[in-house]
Amino acid sequence: MPYDSVDELPSAVKENLPKHAQEIYKEAYNHAADEYGDEERAHRTAWSAVKKVYHKEDGEWVKSDA
């Protein structure tokens, strides 16, 4: 199931990630779901994509320094 907007993302994503990270998640998920046809793998791939740009600091997701 591809996501058309960040409003459709799972609550764990919407409630924890900043808007930009949600966009990264959505795009990575949609691409992976199309590529692999496996929803669980697509979610893992999407989280991995977010973690390349953001990290958790004091309980909040913040953009990593380049």
N, C-alpha and C. Protein backbone atom coordinates (compact mmCIF):
# COMPACT_ATOMS: atom_id res chain seq x y z
N MET A 1 0.85 -1.18 0.00
CA MET A 1 0.00 0.00 0.00
C MET A 1 0.89 1.24 0.00
N PRO A 2 0.99 1.94 -1.11
CA PRO A 2 1.79 3.17 -1.12
C PRO A 2 1.08 4.29 -0.36
N TYR A 3 1.86 5.19 0.16
CA TYR A 3 1.32 6.34 0.87
C TYR A 3 1.31 7.53 -0.08
N ASP A 4 0.15 8.17 -0.22
CA ASP A 4 0.03 9.34 -1.09
C ASP A 4 0.48 10.61 -0.39
N SER A 5 0.37 10.64 0.93
CA SER A 5 0.78 11.82 1.69
C SER A 5 1.28 11.39 3.07
N VAL A 6 1.98 12.30 3.74
CA VAL A 6 2.47 11.97 5.08
C VAL A 6 1.33 11.79 6.07
N ASP A 7 0.17 12.34 5.77
CA ASP A 7 -0.99 12.17 6.66
C ASP A 7 -1.43 10.72 6.75
N GLU A 8 -1.05 9.90 5.78
CA GLU A 8 -1.44 8.50 5.76
C GLU A 8 -0.44 7.58 6.45
N LEU A 9 0.70 8.13 6.86
CA LEU A 9 1.74 7.32 7.49
C LEU A 9 1.27 6.74 8.81
N PRO A 10 1.89 5.65 9.27
CA PRO A 10 1.53 5.08 10.57
C PRO A 10 1.73 6.12 11.68
N SER A 11 0.94 6.02 12.72
CA SER A 11 1.01 7.01 13.81
C SER A 11 2.39 7.05 14.45
N ALA A 12 3.08 5.93 14.52
CA ALA A 12 4.43 5.92 15.11
C ALA A 12 5.39 6.80 14.32
N VAL A 13 5.15 6.93 13.04
CA VAL A 13 5.98 7.79 12.20
C VAL A 13 5.53 9.24 12.35
N LYS A 14 4.24 9.49 12.19
CA LYS A 14 3.71 10.85 12.24
C LYS A 14 3.93 11.53 13.58
N GLU A 15 3.82 10.78 14.66
CA GLU A 15 3.90 11.36 15.99
C GLU A 15 5.33 11.55 16.48
N ASN A 16 6.30 10.95 15.80
CA ASN A 16 7.67 11.02 16.29
C ASN A 16 8.65 11.74 15.38
N LEU A 17 8.42 11.69 14.09
CA LEU A 17 9.40 12.26 13.16
C LEU A 17 9.03 13.67 12.74
N PRO A 18 10.03 14.53 12.53
CA PRO A 18 9.76 15.85 11.96
C PRO A 18 9.22 15.69 10.54
N LYS A 19 8.60 16.73 10.02
CA LYS A 19 7.95 16.68 8.71
C LYS A 19 8.91 16.21 7.60
N HIS A 20 10.12 16.74 7.57
CA HIS A 20 11.07 16.36 6.53
C HIS A 20 11.39 14.87 6.62
N ALA A 21 11.56 14.37 7.82
CA ALA A 21 11.84 12.95 8.01
C ALA A 21 10.65 12.10 7.58
N GLN A 22 9.45 12.60 7.78
CA GLN A 22 8.25 11.89 7.33
C GLN A 22 8.24 11.79 5.81
N GLU A 23 8.67 12.85 5.14
CA GLU A 23 8.74 12.83 3.67
C GLU A 23 9.76 11.79 3.20
N ILE A 24 10.91 11.75 3.88
CA ILE A 24 11.92 10.75 3.55
C ILE A 24 11.34 9.35 3.72
N TYR A 25 10.67 9.13 4.84
CA TYR A 25 10.07 7.83 5.13
C TYR A 25 9.08 7.45 4.04
N LYS A 26 8.19 8.37 3.69
CA LYS A 26 7.15 8.09 2.69
C LYS A 26 7.76 7.71 1.34
N GLU A 27 8.72 8.49 0.89
CA GLU A 27 9.34 8.22 -0.41
C GLU A 27 10.11 6.90 -0.39
N ALA A 28 10.84 6.65 0.66
CA ALA A 28 11.60 5.40 0.76
C ALA A 28 10.67 4.20 0.85
N TYR A 29 9.62 4.34 1.63
CA TYR A 29 8.65 3.25 1.76
C TYR A 29 8.02 2.93 0.41
N ASN A 30 7.53 3.96 -0.27
CA ASN A 30 6.85 3.74 -1.54
C ASN A 30 7.77 3.08 -2.57
N HIS A 31 9.00 3.54 -2.61
CA HIS A 31 9.96 2.95 -3.55
C HIS A 31 10.23 1.48 -3.19
N ALA A 32 10.48 1.22 -1.91
CA ALA A 32 10.79 -0.14 -1.47
C ALA A 32 9.60 -1.08 -1.65
N ALA A 33 8.40 -0.59 -1.38
CA ALA A 33 7.20 -1.42 -1.55
C ALA A 33 7.03 -1.80 -3.01
N ASP A 34 7.30 -0.85 -3.89
CA ASP A 34 7.22 -1.12 -5.33
C ASP A 34 8.32 -2.09 -5.75
N GLU A 35 9.51 -1.88 -5.20
CA GLU A 35 10.67 -2.69 -5.57
C GLU A 35 10.56 -4.13 -5.07
N TYR A 36 10.20 -4.28 -3.79
CA TYR A 36 10.24 -5.60 -3.14
C TYR A 36 8.89 -6.28 -3.03
N GLY A 37 7.80 -5.51 -3.05
CA GLY A 37 6.48 -6.10 -2.89
C GLY A 37 6.24 -6.69 -1.51
N ASP A 38 6.97 -6.21 -0.52
CA ASP A 38 6.91 -6.74 0.84
C ASP A 38 6.79 -5.56 1.81
N GLU A 39 5.62 -5.45 2.45
CA GLU A 39 5.33 -4.31 3.31
C GLU A 39 6.30 -4.21 4.49
N GLU A 40 6.60 -5.32 5.12
CA GLU A 40 7.51 -5.30 6.27
C GLU A 40 8.91 -4.82 5.85
N ARG A 41 9.38 -5.34 4.74
CA ARG A 41 10.70 -4.93 4.24
C ARG A 41 10.69 -3.45 3.85
N ALA A 42 9.59 -2.98 3.31
CA ALA A 42 9.48 -1.57 2.92
C ALA A 42 9.55 -0.67 4.15
N HIS A 43 8.91 -1.07 5.26
CA HIS A 43 8.99 -0.28 6.49
C HIS A 43 10.42 -0.26 7.03
N ARG A 44 11.09 -1.39 7.01
CA ARG A 44 12.49 -1.44 7.47
C ARG A 44 13.37 -0.54 6.60
N THR A 45 13.16 -0.58 5.32
CA THR A 45 13.93 0.24 4.40
C THR A 45 13.67 1.72 4.65
N ALA A 46 12.42 2.07 4.90
CA ALA A 46 12.06 3.47 5.15
C ALA A 46 12.72 3.98 6.43
N TRP A 47 12.70 3.18 7.48
CA TRP A 47 13.37 3.59 8.72
C TRP A 47 14.87 3.75 8.50
N SER A 48 15.45 2.87 7.72
CA SER A 48 16.87 2.96 7.43
C SER A 48 17.19 4.26 6.69
N ALA A 49 16.33 4.64 5.77
CA ALA A 49 16.53 5.89 5.03
C ALA A 49 16.46 7.09 5.95
N VAL A 50 15.52 7.07 6.88
CA VAL A 50 15.40 8.18 7.85
C VAL A 50 16.66 8.26 8.70
N LYS A 51 17.16 7.11 9.13
CA LYS A 51 18.33 7.08 10.02
C LYS A 51 19.62 7.51 9.33
N LYS A 52 19.61 7.61 8.00
CA LYS A 52 20.77 8.13 7.29
C LYS A 52 20.86 9.65 7.40
N VAL A 53 19.72 10.29 7.70
CA VAL A 53 19.66 11.76 7.75
C VAL A 53 19.38 12.27 9.16
N TYR A 54 18.66 11.48 9.95
CA TYR A 54 18.26 11.88 11.30
C TYR A 54 18.77 10.87 12.32
N HIS A 55 18.90 11.34 13.55
CA HIS A 55 19.22 10.43 14.65
C HIS A 55 18.41 10.88 15.87
N LYS A 56 18.28 9.99 16.81
CA LYS A 56 17.50 10.28 18.01
C LYS A 56 18.44 10.84 19.07
N GLU A 57 18.07 11.98 19.61
CA GLU A 57 18.86 12.65 20.64
C GLU A 57 17.92 13.14 21.74
N ASP A 58 18.15 12.67 22.94
CA ASP A 58 17.29 13.02 24.08
C ASP A 58 15.81 12.78 23.77
N GLY A 59 15.54 11.66 23.11
CA GLY A 59 14.16 11.27 22.83
C GLY A 59 13.53 11.95 21.63
N GLU A 60 14.27 12.82 20.95
CA GLU A 60 13.74 13.53 19.78
C GLU A 60 14.56 13.19 18.54
N TRP A 61 13.92 13.13 17.39
CA TRP A 61 14.61 12.91 16.14
C TRP A 61 15.14 14.25 15.65
N VAL A 62 16.45 14.33 15.44
CA VAL A 62 17.08 15.56 14.98
C VAL A 62 17.94 15.25 13.75
N LYS A 63 18.09 16.26 12.91
CA LYS A 63 18.89 16.08 11.70
C LYS A 63 20.35 15.95 12.07
N SER A 64 20.99 14.95 11.48
CA SER A 64 22.40 14.71 11.76
C SER A 64 23.26 15.75 11.04
N ASP A 65 24.42 16.04 11.60
CA ASP A 65 25.35 16.93 10.94
C ASP A 65 25.95 16.21 9.75
N ALA A 66 26.11 16.94 8.69
CA ALA A 66 26.61 16.34 7.44
C ALA A 66 28.09 16.01 7.50
